[in-house]
């Protein structure tokens, strides 16, 4: 079972993350924006994550960041 941390998606913007298993030298990431749902009454489910080294961005479900097997909060 994976360890989980509690996060508030509304407070994720500009938060820093470290990949536990980096790929292509991309280790440090920054949440650049919250992806707002089409229906404003629905909660945020995705964020845009940018690699600091390459500036490559990817859209991911914010709940993936709660998996401590994959992500560490902050740059480490």
C-alpha atoms as a PDB file:
ATOM      1  CA  UNK A   1       0.000   0.000   0.000  1.00  0.00           C
ATOM      2  CA  UNK A   2       1.282   3.455  -0.940  1.00  0.00           C
ATOM      3  CA  UNK A   3       1.682   6.149   1.673  1.00  0.00           C
ATOM      4  CA  UNK A   4      -0.599   9.133   1.078  1.00  0.00           C
ATOM      5  CA  UNK A   5      -0.307  12.771   2.095  1.00  0.00           C
ATOM      6  CA  UNK A   6      -3.156  15.254   2.344  1.00  0.00           C
ATOM      7  CA  UNK A   7      -3.107  18.106  -0.151  1.00  0.00           C
ATOM      8  CA  UNK A   8      -5.443  20.955  -0.945  1.00  0.00           C
ATOM      9  CA  UNK A   9      -5.558  21.315  -4.761  1.00  0.00           C
ATOM     10  CA  UNK A  10      -6.400  25.023  -4.492  1.00  0.00           C
ATOM     11  CA  UNK A  11      -3.019  25.613  -2.796  1.00  0.00           C
ATOM     12  CA  UNK A  12      -0.864  23.605  -5.212  1.00  0.00           C
ATOM     13  CA  UNK A  13      -0.060  26.436  -7.633  1.00  0.00           C
ATOM     14  CA  UNK A  14       3.682  27.224  -7.601  1.00  0.00           C
ATOM     15  CA  UNK A  15       4.393  24.303  -5.255  1.00  0.00           C
ATOM     16  CA  UNK A  16       7.681  22.435  -5.776  1.00  0.00           C
ATOM     17  CA  UNK A  17       8.042  18.669  -6.240  1.00  0.00           C
ATOM     18  CA  UNK A  18      10.856  16.146  -6.614  1.00  0.00           C
ATOM     19  CA  UNK A  19      10.402  12.967  -8.635  1.00  0.00           C
ATOM     20  CA  UNK A  20      11.477   9.888  -6.653  1.00  0.00           C
ATOM     21  CA  UNK A  21      12.532   8.142  -9.906  1.00  0.00           C
ATOM     22  CA  UNK A  22      13.651  10.893 -12.315  1.00  0.00           C
ATOM     23  CA  UNK A  23      13.507  10.319 -16.071  1.00  0.00           C
ATOM     24  CA  UNK A  24      15.555  12.169 -18.698  1.00  0.00           C
ATOM     25  CA  UNK A  25      17.303  14.162 -15.932  1.00  0.00           C
ATOM     26  CA  UNK A  26      13.940  15.700 -14.991  1.00  0.00           C
ATOM     27  CA  UNK A  27      13.918  15.583 -11.217  1.00  0.00           C
ATOM     28  CA  UNK A  28      12.550  18.921  -9.986  1.00  0.00           C
ATOM     29  CA  UNK A  29       9.091  20.162 -10.954  1.00  0.00           C
ATOM     30  CA  UNK A  30       6.860  23.161 -10.345  1.00  0.00           C
ATOM     31  CA  UNK A  31       3.058  23.245 -10.492  1.00  0.00           C
ATOM     32  CA  UNK A  32       2.517  26.112 -12.934  1.00  0.00           C
ATOM     33  CA  UNK A  33      -1.270  26.151 -13.029  1.00  0.00           C
ATOM     34  CA  UNK A  34      -4.462  24.477 -11.920  1.00  0.00           C
ATOM     35  CA  UNK A  35      -6.535  23.054 -14.773  1.00  0.00           C
ATOM     36  CA  UNK A  36     -10.015  24.388 -14.137  1.00  0.00           C
ATOM     37  CA  UNK A  37     -12.937  22.116 -15.047  1.00  0.00           C
ATOM     38  CA  UNK A  38     -15.465  23.176 -17.694  1.00  0.00           C
ATOM     39  CA  UNK A  39     -18.139  23.164 -15.011  1.00  0.00           C
ATOM     40  CA  UNK A  40     -17.060  25.670 -12.300  1.00  0.00           C
ATOM     41  CA  UNK A  41     -19.068  23.787  -9.678  1.00  0.00           C
ATOM     42  CA  UNK A  42     -16.755  20.774 -10.083  1.00  0.00           C
ATOM     43  CA  UNK A  43     -13.466  20.482  -8.170  1.00  0.00           C
ATOM     44  CA  UNK A  44     -10.020  20.852  -9.718  1.00  0.00           C
ATOM     45  CA  UNK A  45      -8.736  17.414 -10.738  1.00  0.00           C
ATOM     46  CA  UNK A  46      -5.615  18.232 -12.783  1.00  0.00           C
ATOM     47  CA  UNK A  47      -2.573  20.499 -12.693  1.00  0.00           C
ATOM     48  CA  UNK A  48       0.140  21.515 -15.135  1.00  0.00           C
ATOM     49  CA  UNK A  49       3.542  20.322 -13.937  1.00  0.00           C
ATOM     50  CA  UNK A  50       6.713  21.827 -15.428  1.00  0.00           C
ATOM     51  CA  UNK A  51      10.185  20.286 -15.288  1.00  0.00           C
ATOM     52  CA  UNK A  52      12.640  22.906 -14.012  1.00  0.00           C
ATOM     53  CA  UNK A  53      15.582  21.684 -16.119  1.00  0.00           C
ATOM     54  CA  UNK A  54      13.882  21.233 -19.502  1.00  0.00           C
ATOM     55  CA  UNK A  55      10.747  23.407 -19.091  1.00  0.00           C
ATOM     56  CA  UNK A  56       8.701  20.485 -20.453  1.00  0.00           C
ATOM     57  CA  UNK A  57       5.139  20.623 -19.159  1.00  0.00           C
ATOM     58  CA  UNK A  58       2.710  17.823 -18.545  1.00  0.00           C
ATOM     59  CA  UNK A  59      -0.861  17.678 -17.396  1.00  0.00           C
ATOM     60  CA  UNK A  60      -1.421  15.263 -14.514  1.00  0.00           C
ATOM     61  CA  UNK A  61      -4.093  14.412 -11.987  1.00  0.00           C
ATOM     62  CA  UNK A  62      -3.106  16.334  -8.854  1.00  0.00           C
ATOM     63  CA  UNK A  63      -3.852  13.296  -6.693  1.00  0.00           C
ATOM     64  CA  UNK A  64      -0.770  11.573  -8.177  1.00  0.00           C
ATOM     65  CA  UNK A  65       1.319  14.000  -6.109  1.00  0.00           C
ATOM     66  CA  UNK A  66      -0.009  12.369  -2.928  1.00  0.00           C
ATOM     67  CA  UNK A  67       1.868   9.133  -3.733  1.00  0.00           C
ATOM     68  CA  UNK A  68       5.095   9.295  -1.713  1.00  0.00           C
ATOM     69  CA  UNK A  69       6.494   6.396  -3.765  1.00  0.00           C
ATOM     70  CA  UNK A  70       6.584   8.757  -6.776  1.00  0.00           C
ATOM     71  CA  UNK A  71       6.772  12.323  -5.452  1.00  0.00           C
ATOM     72  CA  UNK A  72       8.381  14.233  -2.588  1.00  0.00           C
ATOM     73  CA  UNK A  73       7.115  17.679  -1.689  1.00  0.00           C
ATOM     74  CA  UNK A  74       9.753  20.389  -2.136  1.00  0.00           C
ATOM     75  CA  UNK A  75      13.036  20.177  -4.029  1.00  0.00           C
ATOM     76  CA  UNK A  76      15.330  17.566  -2.548  1.00  0.00           C
END
